[in-house]
Amino acid sequence: MTESESRARRADAARNRDQLLAAASRAFVRAEGEPSMRAIAREAGVGIATLYRHFPTREALVEAVYRDQVAGLTTGSRELLAQFPAPVALRRWMDLFGTWIAAKNGMLDTMLALIESGEITHGQTQAELLAAIEYLLEAGREAGELRRDVTAEDIAAGLIGIFTVARPPEHDARAGRLLDVFLDGLRRVP
């Protein structure tokens, strides 16, 4: 195999992996229970063998989706802040957080088993998410747009409360209204 063919094969494998992660995330958000591996492969437009080549077990897939989503939330705070003023970036990040919460519906049993086994650590995830929120809050404080007396923990608790009451995707409109009200309460009053 030539080097060019090898690069093409690696690029194809990376594209398949990304498709599988995105498809699994979508399937987990929509699912009442855990969707089958075959349904996820179908959603990604790949064969079941391709899915198992990348993720040999359901646990491997769930862990990869979970880690990919956490990474998306942590890098998302910086990417959003590079594009938008802090309050807008924070509000858009809240939507990302809602999608992350919604995906837990379709992978909850497996995720709980991974937490129990120590493969996923709640403390590490919490620290990463709080750091992402703090990054957005600090930018808003420095710009004089967000209150100084609100902590990242306050935001996380508020988001969990909102998404407990208005779980996406069924209640996206309600969640959106509640998030808008929440953000209004975070704005600095002159």
Foldseek 3Di string as FASTA:
>chain_A
DDPVVVVVVVVVLVLLLVLLLVLLLVCLLPDQEADDLQNSCVSSVHGSVSSCVCPVDPLSSVLVSLVVLLVCLLVQLVVLVVPDQLLVSLLVSLVSVLSSVSSCSNCVVSVVVCCVVVVDPPVVSVVSNQVSQVVSQVSCVVVQWFDPPDGSVNVVVQSVVLCVVQRPDVRPVSSSVSSVVVSVVGTDDD
